[in-house]
Amino acid sequence: MPIRPAPLPLALTALLLAGALPVFPAAAASPSPSPSASPTTTGTTPAPVNHGRPHRTTQPAAKPPTKPSGSPSGSSSGSPSGAPSGAPSGSPSGSSSKPPTTGAGDLTDPRLKDIAQQIVSSAENSSLDWKAQFAYIEDIKDGRGYTAGIVGFCSGTGDMVEMVRHYRELKPDNILAKYLPALEKLDGSASHSGLDPDFVSDWKKAAQDPLFRKAQEDERDRVYFTPAVNQAKSDGLHALGQFAYYDAIVMHGPGNSADSFGGIRAAALKKAKTPAQGGDEKAYLAAFLDARAASMRTEAAHSDTSRIDTAQRVFLQAGNLDLHTPLSWKVYGESFHIDK
């Protein structure tokens, strides 16, 4: 199994000042299906290994505080609330005035959303079993403290504390609530101060709680999935393009700096027009993947671009814009396959 180069710490404080991803009004993302509804998967699914856990360069939008209720009702699952709005550079004026329709080629379709999670997990964990990652937690020595959960929430980049706050909304008396004061002090820090020695074991215990798993999925949707998919729909992209945006924002984070999602999209727009602007979808996606690969190569932790070259480009070259199954791809030399 290939080993990634050791990541280099970033100047987090400066990068955290970047703005958040613009979001257009759209329908809330569908909840992930239950395990019984998961697509059939085959192929190589080794034990989870950290290859490319997210190394975000920007902080997610803060969620407005909510009084803990102890009930899941009224939670923020799939809602982009708290993310700033505004028309992005290069977007068509007046677009997305009507919520997009869920259907073929739409990543909010529960089946396609589950497939998207499996493809992300193949790169992040060397496994298609993304549901096994609720309990994942380790310090990967990238200057961002602990990295954990299904999209790599980080104790040093703000998204972990937001997720734990949401867990407290769903279940005020939970095993992780006592760590919130420490997590609030650790934004922009690699320190474990106030977390050790029991945070890792308590996180794994919390992962047995359905409400903790819900909190992770809610925050994944609010901060990453829904904004990425909404922007892709505004740009006129089908499921593959929506996935390309989502995978990019998971790794690079929202924002407009050169090495964040917004910066990567801006670089692509200099080379090609989106379908919403009258451009060719394949040509635009090729430009976006080129821009993302170039950004990845600027950081040692991202220098292996196989999640682009032998995965997303494979789907694009096959013209599979709707992510029809079966799907076969490679990441870090490992082969993966989703049958249906």
C-alpha atoms as a PDB file:
ATOM      1  CA  MET A   1       0.000   0.000   0.000  1.00  0.00           C
ATOM      2  CA  PRO A   2       1.571   3.288  -1.058  1.00  0.00           C
ATOM      3  CA  ILE A   3       2.545   5.772   1.620  1.00  0.00           C
ATOM      4  CA  ARG A   4       1.726   9.465   1.253  1.00  0.00           C
ATOM      5  CA  PRO A   5       4.480  12.038   1.914  1.00  0.00           C
ATOM      6  CA  ALA A   6       4.378  13.597   5.359  1.00  0.00           C
ATOM      7  CA  PRO A   7       2.134  16.729   5.231  1.00  0.00           C
ATOM      8  CA  LEU A   8       3.542  20.160   5.845  1.00  0.00           C
ATOM      9  CA  PRO A   9       1.952  22.552   8.405  1.00  0.00           C
ATOM     10  CA  LEU A  10       0.204  25.574   6.860  1.00  0.00           C
ATOM     11  CA  ALA A  11      -0.112  29.167   7.994  1.00  0.00           C
ATOM     12  CA  LEU A  12      -3.578  28.494   9.278  1.00  0.00           C
ATOM     13  CA  THR A  13      -4.384  31.863  10.777  1.00  0.00           C
ATOM     14  CA  ALA A  14      -3.963  33.743   7.507  1.00  0.00           C
ATOM     15  CA  LEU A  15      -5.810  31.131   5.477  1.00  0.00           C
ATOM     16  CA  LEU A  16      -8.748  30.980   7.872  1.00  0.00           C
ATOM     17  CA  LEU A  17      -9.533  34.584   6.961  1.00  0.00           C
ATOM     18  CA  ALA A  18     -10.720  33.510   3.489  1.00  0.00           C
ATOM     19  CA  GLY A  19     -14.405  33.985   2.704  1.00  0.00           C
ATOM     20  CA  ALA A  20     -16.855  31.085   2.590  1.00  0.00           C
ATOM     21  CA  LEU A  21     -18.314  29.508  -0.554  1.00  0.00           C
ATOM     22  CA  PRO A  22     -21.295  31.391  -2.070  1.00  0.00           C
ATOM     23  CA  VAL A  23     -24.496  29.380  -1.953  1.00  0.00           C
ATOM     24  CA  PHE A  24     -27.590  29.639  -4.150  1.00  0.00           C
ATOM     25  CA  PRO A  25     -31.068  28.701  -2.933  1.00  0.00           C
ATOM     26  CA  ALA A  26     -31.719  25.037  -3.565  1.00  0.00           C
ATOM     27  CA  ALA A  27     -33.501  22.050  -2.201  1.00  0.00           C
ATOM     28  CA  ALA A  28     -31.974  20.499   0.885  1.00  0.00           C
ATOM     29  CA  ALA A  29     -29.847  17.445   0.324  1.00  0.00           C
ATOM     30  CA  SER A  30     -31.608  14.129   0.779  1.00  0.00           C
ATOM     31  CA  PRO A  31     -30.550  12.200   3.845  1.00  0.00           C
ATOM     32  CA  SER A  32     -28.156   9.359   3.271  1.00  0.00           C
ATOM     33  CA  PRO A  33     -29.884   6.027   2.838  1.00  0.00           C
ATOM     34  CA  SER A  34     -29.992   3.400   5.514  1.00  0.00           C
ATOM     35  CA  PRO A  35     -27.411   0.616   5.315  1.00  0.00           C
ATOM     36  CA  SER A  36     -30.022  -1.662   3.775  1.00  0.00           C
ATOM     37  CA  ALA A  37     -30.372   0.751   0.852  1.00  0.00           C
ATOM     38  CA  SER A  38     -26.676   0.964   0.123  1.00  0.00           C
ATOM     39  CA  PRO A  39     -25.552   0.042  -3.404  1.00  0.00           C
ATOM     40  CA  THR A  40     -23.896  -3.324  -3.936  1.00  0.00           C
ATOM     41  CA  THR A  41     -20.127  -2.915  -3.901  1.00  0.00           C
ATOM     42  CA  THR A  42     -17.332  -5.232  -4.826  1.00  0.00           C
ATOM     43  CA  GLY A  43     -13.612  -5.030  -5.302  1.00  0.00           C
ATOM     44  CA  THR A  44     -10.762  -4.001  -3.073  1.00  0.00           C
ATOM     45  CA  THR A  45     -11.929  -2.640   0.275  1.00  0.00           C
ATOM     46  CA  PRO A  46      -8.955  -2.922   2.658  1.00  0.00           C
ATOM     47  CA  ALA A  47      -9.030  -1.790   6.256  1.00  0.00           C
ATOM     48  CA  PRO A  48      -9.207   2.006   6.560  1.00  0.00           C
ATOM     49  CA  VAL A  49      -5.820   3.622   6.098  1.00  0.00           C
ATOM     50  CA  ASN A  50      -5.141   7.344   6.073  1.00  0.00           C
ATOM     51  CA  HIS A  51      -3.990   8.365   2.615  1.00  0.00           C
ATOM     52  CA  GLY A  52      -5.654  11.666   1.955  1.00  0.00           C
ATOM     53  CA  ARG A  53      -7.678  12.871   4.909  1.00  0.00           C
ATOM     54  CA  PRO A  54      -8.848  16.432   4.313  1.00  0.00           C
ATOM     55  CA  HIS A  55      -6.249  19.164   4.733  1.00  0.00           C
ATOM     56  CA  ARG A  56      -8.537  22.183   4.614  1.00  0.00           C
ATOM     57  CA  THR A  57      -7.153  25.647   4.124  1.00  0.00           C
ATOM     58  CA  THR A  58     -10.237  27.602   5.118  1.00  0.00           C
ATOM     59  CA  GLN A  59     -12.705  27.581   7.974  1.00  0.00           C
ATOM     60  CA  PRO A  60     -16.333  26.591   7.350  1.00  0.00           C
ATOM     61  CA  ALA A  61     -19.132  29.058   7.901  1.00  0.00           C
ATOM     62  CA  ALA A  62     -20.247  29.132  11.511  1.00  0.00           C
ATOM     63  CA  LYS A  63     -23.714  27.851  12.253  1.00  0.00           C
ATOM     64  CA  PRO A  64     -26.020  30.236  14.128  1.00  0.00           C
ATOM     65  CA  PRO A  65     -26.304  29.126  17.767  1.00  0.00           C
ATOM     66  CA  THR A  66     -29.344  27.103  18.636  1.00  0.00           C
ATOM     67  CA  LYS A  67     -30.687  26.431  22.098  1.00  0.00           C
ATOM     68  CA  PRO A  68     -30.152  22.748  22.926  1.00  0.00           C
ATOM     69  CA  SER A  69     -33.449  20.920  22.859  1.00  0.00           C
ATOM     70  CA  GLY A  70     -32.443  17.317  23.251  1.00  0.00           C
ATOM     71  CA  SER A  71     -34.561  16.424  20.237  1.00  0.00           C
ATOM     72  CA  PRO A  72     -33.475  15.830  16.623  1.00  0.00           C
ATOM     73  CA  SER A  73     -36.468  17.817  15.408  1.00  0.00           C
ATOM     74  CA  GLY A  74     -35.533  21.094  13.800  1.00  0.00           C
ATOM     75  CA  SER A  75     -31.958  20.016  13.126  1.00  0.00           C
ATOM     76  CA  SER A  76     -29.995  21.462  10.253  1.00  0.00           C
ATOM     77  CA  SER A  77     -29.568  18.323   8.178  1.00  0.00           C
ATOM     78  CA  GLY A  78     -28.862  19.219   4.610  1.00  0.00           C
ATOM     79  CA  SER A  79     -29.453  22.908   5.106  1.00  0.00           C
ATOM     80  CA  PRO A  80     -26.915  25.469   3.960  1.00  0.00           C
ATOM     81  CA  SER A  81     -28.039  27.868   6.700  1.00  0.00           C
ATOM     82  CA  GLY A  82     -25.188  29.823   8.152  1.00  0.00           C
ATOM     83  CA  ALA A  83     -23.275  29.937   4.868  1.00  0.00           C
ATOM     84  CA  PRO A  84     -22.999  33.357   3.275  1.00  0.00           C
ATOM     85  CA  SER A  85     -24.931  34.041   0.112  1.00  0.00           C
ATOM     86  CA  GLY A  86     -24.084  36.037  -2.952  1.00  0.00           C
ATOM     87  CA  ALA A  87     -23.489  35.535  -6.655  1.00  0.00           C
ATOM     88  CA  PRO A  88     -20.141  33.860  -7.387  1.00  0.00           C
ATOM     89  CA  SER A  89     -17.713  35.074  -9.976  1.00  0.00           C
ATOM     90  CA  GLY A  90     -18.593  33.688 -13.355  1.00  0.00           C
ATOM     91  CA  SER A  91     -22.100  32.481 -12.443  1.00  0.00           C
ATOM     92  CA  PRO A  92     -25.058  33.332 -14.663  1.00  0.00           C
ATOM     93  CA  SER A  93     -27.151  36.197 -13.328  1.00  0.00           C
ATOM     94  CA  GLY A  94     -30.519  35.242 -11.959  1.00  0.00           C
ATOM     95  CA  SER A  95     -29.762  31.522 -11.981  1.00  0.00           C
ATOM     96  CA  SER A  96     -31.098  29.074  -9.387  1.00  0.00           C
ATOM     97  CA  SER A  97     -34.196  31.154  -8.653  1.00  0.00           C
ATOM     98  CA  LYS A  98     -36.110  27.864  -8.639  1.00  0.00           C
ATOM     99  CA  PRO A  99     -34.951  24.887  -6.533  1.00  0.00           C
ATOM    100  CA  PRO A 100     -33.419  22.197  -8.764  1.00  0.00           C
ATOM    101  CA  THR A 101     -35.293  18.935  -9.157  1.00  0.00           C
ATOM    102  CA  THR A 102     -33.914  15.724  -7.699  1.00  0.00           C
ATOM    103  CA  GLY A 103     -33.606  12.993 -10.303  1.00  0.00           C
ATOM    104  CA  ALA A 104     -31.264  11.332 -12.752  1.00  0.00           C
ATOM    105  CA  GLY A 105     -27.847  12.920 -12.704  1.00  0.00           C
ATOM    106  CA  ASP A 106     -28.586  14.673  -9.410  1.00  0.00           C
ATOM    107  CA  LEU A 107     -26.223  13.886  -6.532  1.00  0.00           C
ATOM    108  CA  THR A 108     -28.964  14.562  -3.970  1.00  0.00           C
ATOM    109  CA  ASP A 109     -30.631  11.359  -5.150  1.00  0.00           C
ATOM    110  CA  PRO A 110     -30.061   9.007  -2.163  1.00  0.00           C
ATOM    111  CA  ARG A 111     -28.452   6.294  -4.271  1.00  0.00           C
ATOM    112  CA  LEU A 112     -26.056   8.677  -6.014  1.00  0.00           C
ATOM    113  CA  LYS A 113     -25.262  10.416  -2.742  1.00  0.00           C
ATOM    114  CA  ASP A 114     -24.257   7.076  -1.230  1.00  0.00           C
ATOM    115  CA  ILE A 115     -22.099   6.342  -4.280  1.00  0.00           C
ATOM    116  CA  ALA A 116     -20.444   9.747  -3.878  1.00  0.00           C
ATOM    117  CA  GLN A 117     -19.630   8.940  -0.260  1.00  0.00           C
ATOM    118  CA  GLN A 118     -18.110   5.621  -1.291  1.00  0.00           C
ATOM    119  CA  ILE A 119     -15.870   7.255  -3.893  1.00  0.00           C
ATOM    120  CA  VAL A 120     -14.715   9.886  -1.366  1.00  0.00           C
ATOM    121  CA  SER A 121     -14.038   7.151   1.186  1.00  0.00           C
ATOM    122  CA  SER A 122     -11.954   5.209  -1.323  1.00  0.00           C
ATOM    123  CA  ALA A 123      -9.559   8.169  -1.437  1.00  0.00           C
ATOM    124  CA  GLU A 124      -9.798   9.202   2.197  1.00  0.00           C
ATOM    125  CA  ASN A 125      -9.808   5.778   3.845  1.00  0.00           C
ATOM    126  CA  SER A 126      -8.881   3.169   1.213  1.00  0.00           C
ATOM    127  CA  SER A 127     -12.337   1.659   1.752  1.00  0.00           C
ATOM    128  CA  LEU A 128     -15.793   1.910   0.224  1.00  0.00           C
ATOM    129  CA  ASP A 129     -17.343   1.474   3.666  1.00  0.00           C
ATOM    130  CA  TRP A 130     -17.845   5.152   4.469  1.00  0.00           C
ATOM    131  CA  LYS A 131     -20.197   4.367   7.344  1.00  0.00           C
ATOM    132  CA  ALA A 132     -17.294   2.759   9.200  1.00  0.00           C
ATOM    133  CA  GLN A 133     -15.618   6.182   9.357  1.00  0.00           C
ATOM    134  CA  PHE A 134     -17.934   7.747  11.952  1.00  0.00           C
ATOM    135  CA  ALA A 135     -15.520   6.388  14.583  1.00  0.00           C
ATOM    136  CA  TYR A 136     -12.330   7.352  12.728  1.00  0.00           C
ATOM    137  CA  ILE A 137     -10.029   9.740  14.615  1.00  0.00           C
ATOM    138  CA  GLU A 138      -6.288  10.410  14.617  1.00  0.00           C
ATOM    139  CA  ASP A 139      -3.745  13.208  14.495  1.00  0.00           C
ATOM    140  CA  ILE A 140      -2.170  12.918  11.053  1.00  0.00           C
ATOM    141  CA  LYS A 141       0.464  15.532  11.949  1.00  0.00           C
ATOM    142  CA  ASP A 142      -0.669  18.096   9.390  1.00  0.00           C
ATOM    143  CA  GLY A 143      -0.890  21.007  11.805  1.00  0.00           C
ATOM    144  CA  ARG A 144      -4.670  20.730  12.161  1.00  0.00           C
ATOM    145  CA  GLY A 145      -4.936  18.698  15.349  1.00  0.00           C
ATOM    146  CA  TYR A 146      -7.243  15.710  15.352  1.00  0.00           C
ATOM    147  CA  THR A 147      -8.876  14.653  12.089  1.00  0.00           C
ATOM    148  CA  ALA A 148     -12.018  12.573  12.520  1.00  0.00           C
ATOM    149  CA  GLY A 149     -15.278  11.308  11.118  1.00  0.00           C
ATOM    150  CA  ILE A 150     -16.790  10.849   7.680  1.00  0.00           C
ATOM    151  CA  VAL A 151     -15.313  13.991   6.093  1.00  0.00           C
ATOM    152  CA  GLY A 152     -12.305  14.527   8.340  1.00  0.00           C
ATOM    153  CA  PHE A 153     -13.604  17.130  10.782  1.00  0.00           C
ATOM    154  CA  CYS A 154     -10.515  18.841  12.240  1.00  0.00           C
ATOM    155  CA  SER A 155     -10.053  20.181  15.753  1.00  0.00           C
ATOM    156  CA  GLY A 156      -7.890  22.982  14.369  1.00  0.00           C
ATOM    157  CA  THR A 157     -10.061  24.223  11.487  1.00  0.00           C
ATOM    158  CA  GLY A 158     -13.420  24.968  13.078  1.00  0.00           C
ATOM    159  CA  ASP A 159     -15.601  22.277  11.528  1.00  0.00           C
ATOM    160  CA  MET A 160     -15.143  19.778  14.367  1.00  0.00           C
ATOM    161  CA  VAL A 161     -16.317  22.233  17.019  1.00  0.00           C
ATOM    162  CA  GLU A 162     -19.349  23.131  14.869  1.00  0.00           C
ATOM    163  CA  MET A 163     -20.219  19.455  14.522  1.00  0.00           C
ATOM    164  CA  VAL A 164     -19.852  18.780  18.274  1.00  0.00           C
ATOM    165  CA  ARG A 165     -22.057  21.831  18.975  1.00  0.00           C
ATOM    166  CA  HIS A 166     -24.696  20.359  16.704  1.00  0.00           C
ATOM    167  CA  TYR A 167     -24.395  17.034  18.536  1.00  0.00           C
ATOM    168  CA  ARG A 168     -25.090  18.920  21.757  1.00  0.00           C
ATOM    169  CA  GLU A 169     -28.229  20.387  20.135  1.00  0.00           C
ATOM    170  CA  LEU A 170     -29.435  16.886  19.353  1.00  0.00           C
ATOM    171  CA  LYS A 171     -28.329  15.419  22.687  1.00  0.00           C
ATOM    172  CA  PRO A 172     -27.274  17.958  25.343  1.00  0.00           C
ATOM    173  CA  ASP A 173     -26.006  15.340  27.788  1.00  0.00           C
ATOM    174  CA  ASN A 174     -23.514  13.587  25.497  1.00  0.00           C
ATOM    175  CA  ILE A 175     -20.025  12.241  26.064  1.00  0.00           C
ATOM    176  CA  LEU A 176     -18.323  14.922  23.930  1.00  0.00           C
ATOM    177  CA  ALA A 177     -20.107  18.018  25.258  1.00  0.00           C
ATOM    178  CA  LYS A 178     -17.507  18.478  27.999  1.00  0.00           C
ATOM    179  CA  TYR A 179     -14.830  19.048  25.321  1.00  0.00           C
ATOM    180  CA  LEU A 180     -16.539  22.047  23.706  1.00  0.00           C
ATOM    181  CA  PRO A 181     -14.673  24.687  25.781  1.00  0.00           C
ATOM    182  CA  ALA A 182     -11.360  23.146  24.751  1.00  0.00           C
ATOM    183  CA  LEU A 183     -12.367  22.773  21.093  1.00  0.00           C
ATOM    184  CA  GLU A 184     -13.452  26.416  20.970  1.00  0.00           C
ATOM    185  CA  LYS A 185      -9.939  27.453  22.012  1.00  0.00           C
ATOM    186  CA  LEU A 186      -8.193  25.215  19.471  1.00  0.00           C
ATOM    187  CA  ASP A 187      -9.314  26.848  16.202  1.00  0.00           C
ATOM    188  CA  GLY A 188      -6.169  27.398  14.153  1.00  0.00           C
ATOM    189  CA  SER A 189      -4.092  25.179  16.426  1.00  0.00           C
ATOM    190  CA  ALA A 190      -2.551  21.714  16.225  1.00  0.00           C
ATOM    191  CA  SER A 191      -2.668  21.432  20.020  1.00  0.00           C
ATOM    192  CA  HIS A 192      -4.555  18.739  21.925  1.00  0.00           C
ATOM    193  CA  SER A 193      -4.816  20.958  24.992  1.00  0.00           C
ATOM    194  CA  GLY A 194      -7.934  20.081  26.981  1.00  0.00           C
ATOM    195  CA  LEU A 195      -8.661  17.021  24.836  1.00  0.00           C
ATOM    196  CA  ASP A 196      -6.168  14.373  25.929  1.00  0.00           C
ATOM    197  CA  PRO A 197      -6.075  11.750  27.284  1.00  0.00           C
ATOM    198  CA  ASP A 198      -9.678  10.605  26.720  1.00  0.00           C
ATOM    199  CA  PHE A 199     -10.956  12.484  23.657  1.00  0.00           C
ATOM    200  CA  VAL A 200     -10.057   9.746  21.161  1.00  0.00           C
ATOM    201  CA  SER A 201     -11.720   6.981  23.144  1.00  0.00           C
ATOM    202  CA  ASP A 202     -14.753   9.161  23.882  1.00  0.00           C
ATOM    203  CA  TRP A 203     -15.120  10.000  20.162  1.00  0.00           C
ATOM    204  CA  LYS A 204     -15.175   6.292  19.344  1.00  0.00           C
ATOM    205  CA  LYS A 205     -17.774   5.689  22.045  1.00  0.00           C
ATOM    206  CA  ALA A 206     -19.893   8.547  20.693  1.00  0.00           C
ATOM    207  CA  ALA A 207     -19.783   6.956  17.229  1.00  0.00           C
ATOM    208  CA  GLN A 208     -22.048   4.205  18.555  1.00  0.00           C
ATOM    209  CA  ASP A 209     -24.782   6.817  19.106  1.00  0.00           C
ATOM    210  CA  PRO A 210     -27.172   7.292  16.149  1.00  0.00           C
ATOM    211  CA  LEU A 211     -27.530  10.976  17.073  1.00  0.00           C
ATOM    212  CA  PHE A 212     -23.759  11.472  16.804  1.00  0.00           C
ATOM    213  CA  ARG A 213     -23.771   9.862  13.379  1.00  0.00           C
ATOM    214  CA  LYS A 214     -26.674  12.134  12.445  1.00  0.00           C
ATOM    215  CA  ALA A 215     -24.714  15.162  13.666  1.00  0.00           C
ATOM    216  CA  GLN A 216     -21.802  14.207  11.397  1.00  0.00           C
ATOM    217  CA  GLU A 217     -24.069  13.770   8.377  1.00  0.00           C
ATOM    218  CA  ASP A 218     -25.936  17.008   9.107  1.00  0.00           C
ATOM    219  CA  GLU A 219     -22.715  19.029   9.240  1.00  0.00           C
ATOM    220  CA  ARG A 220     -21.265  17.264   6.210  1.00  0.00           C
ATOM    221  CA  ASP A 221     -24.350  18.347   4.298  1.00  0.00           C
ATOM    222  CA  ARG A 222     -24.518  21.891   5.669  1.00  0.00           C
ATOM    223  CA  VAL A 223     -20.866  22.794   5.209  1.00  0.00           C
ATOM    224  CA  TYR A 224     -19.707  20.673   2.268  1.00  0.00           C
ATOM    225  CA  PHE A 225     -22.234  18.587   0.346  1.00  0.00           C
ATOM    226  CA  THR A 226     -25.144  21.000  -0.075  1.00  0.00           C
ATOM    227  CA  PRO A 227     -23.069  24.110  -0.963  1.00  0.00           C
ATOM    228  CA  ALA A 228     -20.952  22.115  -3.444  1.00  0.00           C
ATOM    229  CA  VAL A 229     -23.933  20.491  -5.145  1.00  0.00           C
ATOM    230  CA  ASN A 230     -25.889  23.760  -5.251  1.00  0.00           C
ATOM    231  CA  GLN A 231     -22.970  25.543  -6.907  1.00  0.00           C
ATOM    232  CA  ALA A 232     -22.532  22.706  -9.397  1.00  0.00           C
ATOM    233  CA  LYS A 233     -26.209  22.854 -10.324  1.00  0.00           C
ATOM    234  CA  SER A 234     -25.955  26.616 -10.754  1.00  0.00           C
ATOM    235  CA  ASP A 235     -23.066  25.958 -13.128  1.00  0.00           C
ATOM    236  CA  GLY A 236     -25.203  23.480 -15.098  1.00  0.00           C
ATOM    237  CA  LEU A 237     -23.270  20.366 -14.100  1.00  0.00           C
ATOM    238  CA  HIS A 238     -24.562  16.809 -13.920  1.00  0.00           C
ATOM    239  CA  ALA A 239     -23.749  14.257 -11.205  1.00  0.00           C
ATOM    240  CA  LEU A 240     -20.057  13.878 -12.101  1.00  0.00           C
ATOM    241  CA  GLY A 241     -19.483  17.625 -11.921  1.00  0.00           C
ATOM    242  CA  GLN A 242     -21.442  17.814  -8.687  1.00  0.00           C
ATOM    243  CA  PHE A 243     -19.218  15.084  -7.275  1.00  0.00           C
ATOM    244  CA  ALA A 244     -16.060  16.820  -8.516  1.00  0.00           C
ATOM    245  CA  TYR A 245     -17.095  19.958  -6.622  1.00  0.00           C
ATOM    246  CA  TYR A 246     -17.976  17.990  -3.493  1.00  0.00           C
ATOM    247  CA  ASP A 247     -14.729  16.025  -3.432  1.00  0.00           C
ATOM    248  CA  ALA A 248     -12.800  19.268  -3.907  1.00  0.00           C
ATOM    249  CA  ILE A 249     -14.550  21.135  -1.105  1.00  0.00           C
ATOM    250  CA  VAL A 250     -14.083  18.185   1.274  1.00  0.00           C
ATOM    251  CA  MET A 251     -10.324  18.239   0.699  1.00  0.00           C
ATOM    252  CA  HIS A 252      -9.646  21.944   0.172  1.00  0.00           C
ATOM    253  CA  GLY A 253     -12.440  23.566   2.152  1.00  0.00           C
ATOM    254  CA  PRO A 254     -14.771  26.412   1.176  1.00  0.00           C
ATOM    255  CA  GLY A 255     -13.466  29.890   0.537  1.00  0.00           C
ATOM    256  CA  ASN A 256     -11.911  31.944  -2.251  1.00  0.00           C
ATOM    257  CA  SER A 257      -8.167  31.616  -1.635  1.00  0.00           C
ATOM    258  CA  ALA A 258      -6.130  30.049  -4.441  1.00  0.00           C
ATOM    259  CA  ASP A 259      -5.899  26.684  -2.685  1.00  0.00           C
ATOM    260  CA  SER A 260      -9.547  26.489  -1.592  1.00  0.00           C
ATOM    261  CA  PHE A 261     -12.574  25.378  -3.580  1.00  0.00           C
ATOM    262  CA  GLY A 262     -13.465  28.899  -4.703  1.00  0.00           C
ATOM    263  CA  GLY A 263      -9.952  29.560  -5.947  1.00  0.00           C
ATOM    264  CA  ILE A 264      -9.868  26.294  -7.877  1.00  0.00           C
ATOM    265  CA  ARG A 265     -13.202  27.066  -9.524  1.00  0.00           C
ATOM    266  CA  ALA A 266     -12.021  30.588 -10.378  1.00  0.00           C
ATOM    267  CA  ALA A 267      -8.920  29.138 -12.056  1.00  0.00           C
ATOM    268  CA  ALA A 268     -11.105  26.789 -14.113  1.00  0.00           C
ATOM    269  CA  LEU A 269     -13.350  29.669 -15.202  1.00  0.00           C
ATOM    270  CA  LYS A 270     -10.322  31.375 -16.722  1.00  0.00           C
ATOM    271  CA  LYS A 271      -9.880  28.387 -19.040  1.00  0.00           C
ATOM    272  CA  ALA A 272     -13.446  27.357 -19.888  1.00  0.00           C
ATOM    273  CA  LYS A 273     -17.095  28.383 -19.561  1.00  0.00           C
ATOM    274  CA  THR A 274     -19.574  26.465 -17.476  1.00  0.00           C
ATOM    275  CA  PRO A 275     -22.564  24.868 -19.249  1.00  0.00           C
ATOM    276  CA  ALA A 276     -24.737  27.556 -17.633  1.00  0.00           C
ATOM    277  CA  GLN A 277     -22.602  30.131 -19.463  1.00  0.00           C
ATOM    278  CA  GLY A 278     -22.964  28.253 -22.751  1.00  0.00           C
ATOM    279  CA  GLY A 279     -19.780  26.218 -22.455  1.00  0.00           C
ATOM    280  CA  ASP A 280     -19.160  22.533 -23.062  1.00  0.00           C
ATOM    281  CA  GLU A 281     -19.561  20.490 -19.878  1.00  0.00           C
ATOM    282  CA  LYS A 282     -16.713  18.057 -20.606  1.00  0.00           C
ATOM    283  CA  ALA A 283     -14.329  20.880 -21.466  1.00  0.00           C
ATOM    284  CA  TYR A 284     -15.222  22.791 -18.309  1.00  0.00           C
ATOM    285  CA  LEU A 285     -14.861  19.739 -16.066  1.00  0.00           C
ATOM    286  CA  ALA A 286     -11.481  18.980 -17.637  1.00  0.00           C
ATOM    287  CA  ALA A 287     -10.409  22.546 -16.811  1.00  0.00           C
ATOM    288  CA  PHE A 288     -11.703  22.196 -13.249  1.00  0.00           C
ATOM    289  CA  LEU A 289      -9.851  18.910 -12.717  1.00  0.00           C
ATOM    290  CA  ASP A 290      -6.683  20.468 -14.186  1.00  0.00           C
ATOM    291  CA  ALA A 291      -6.978  23.414 -11.793  1.00  0.00           C
ATOM    292  CA  ARG A 292      -7.577  21.162  -8.826  1.00  0.00           C
ATOM    293  CA  ALA A 293      -4.654  18.862  -9.644  1.00  0.00           C
ATOM    294  CA  ALA A 294      -2.382  21.903  -9.994  1.00  0.00           C
ATOM    295  CA  SER A 295      -3.518  23.133  -6.580  1.00  0.00           C
ATOM    296  CA  MET A 296      -2.967  19.714  -5.010  1.00  0.00           C
ATOM    297  CA  ARG A 297       0.594  19.553  -6.286  1.00  0.00           C
ATOM    298  CA  THR A 298       1.492  22.719  -4.371  1.00  0.00           C
ATOM    299  CA  GLU A 299       1.249  20.848  -1.042  1.00  0.00           C
ATOM    300  CA  ALA A 300       3.202  17.687  -0.236  1.00  0.00           C
ATOM    301  CA  ALA A 301       0.208  16.105   1.500  1.00  0.00           C
ATOM    302  CA  HIS A 302      -1.780  16.338  -1.753  1.00  0.00           C
ATOM    303  CA  SER A 303       0.972  15.630  -4.273  1.00  0.00           C
ATOM    304  CA  ASP A 304      -0.554  12.295  -5.311  1.00  0.00           C
ATOM    305  CA  THR A 305      -3.359  13.309  -7.670  1.00  0.00           C
ATOM    306  CA  SER A 306      -4.620   9.817  -8.453  1.00  0.00           C
ATOM    307  CA  ARG A 307      -8.059  10.599  -7.007  1.00  0.00           C
ATOM    308  CA  ILE A 308      -8.280  12.923 -10.016  1.00  0.00           C
ATOM    309  CA  ASP A 309      -6.192  11.129 -12.656  1.00  0.00           C
ATOM    310  CA  THR A 310      -7.342   7.525 -12.238  1.00  0.00           C
ATOM    311  CA  ALA A 311     -10.815   8.185 -10.854  1.00  0.00           C
ATOM    312  CA  GLN A 312     -12.661  11.359 -11.869  1.00  0.00           C
ATOM    313  CA  ARG A 313     -10.857  11.730 -15.206  1.00  0.00           C
ATOM    314  CA  VAL A 314     -11.693   8.102 -16.000  1.00  0.00           C
ATOM    315  CA  PHE A 315     -15.396   8.829 -15.566  1.00  0.00           C
ATOM    316  CA  LEU A 316     -15.087  12.039 -17.583  1.00  0.00           C
ATOM    317  CA  GLN A 317     -13.205  10.421 -20.457  1.00  0.00           C
ATOM    318  CA  ALA A 318     -15.893   7.742 -20.619  1.00  0.00           C
ATOM    319  CA  GLY A 319     -18.511  10.493 -20.903  1.00  0.00           C
ATOM    320  CA  ASN A 320     -20.201   9.215 -17.736  1.00  0.00           C
ATOM    321  CA  LEU A 321     -21.567  12.586 -16.635  1.00  0.00           C
ATOM    322  CA  ASP A 322     -24.429  10.973 -14.689  1.00  0.00           C
ATOM    323  CA  LEU A 323     -22.199   8.499 -12.777  1.00  0.00           C
ATOM    324  CA  HIS A 324     -24.012   5.481 -14.125  1.00  0.00           C
ATOM    325  CA  THR A 325     -22.929   2.186 -12.582  1.00  0.00           C
ATOM    326  CA  PRO A 326     -20.944   0.001 -12.817  1.00  0.00           C
ATOM    327  CA  LEU A 327     -18.014   2.224 -11.860  1.00  0.00           C
ATOM    328  CA  SER A 328     -14.380   1.179 -11.712  1.00  0.00           C
ATOM    329  CA  TRP A 329     -11.447   3.367 -10.672  1.00  0.00           C
ATOM    330  CA  LYS A 330      -8.117   3.437  -8.863  1.00  0.00           C
ATOM    331  CA  VAL A 331      -6.793   5.608  -6.047  1.00  0.00           C
ATOM    332  CA  TYR A 332      -3.145   5.349  -4.901  1.00  0.00           C
ATOM    333  CA  GLY A 333      -2.839   2.247  -7.066  1.00  0.00           C
ATOM    334  CA  GLU A 334      -5.715   0.416  -5.340  1.00  0.00           C
ATOM    335  CA  SER A 335      -8.671  -0.743  -7.430  1.00  0.00           C
ATOM    336  CA  PHE A 336     -12.291  -0.099  -6.513  1.00  0.00           C
ATOM    337  CA  HIS A 337     -15.577  -1.089  -8.108  1.00  0.00           C
ATOM    338  CA  ILE A 338     -19.254  -0.314  -7.523  1.00  0.00           C
ATOM    339  CA  ASP A 339     -21.477  -2.767  -9.333  1.00  0.00           C
ATOM    340  CA  LYS A 340     -24.882  -1.140  -8.863  1.00  0.00           C
END
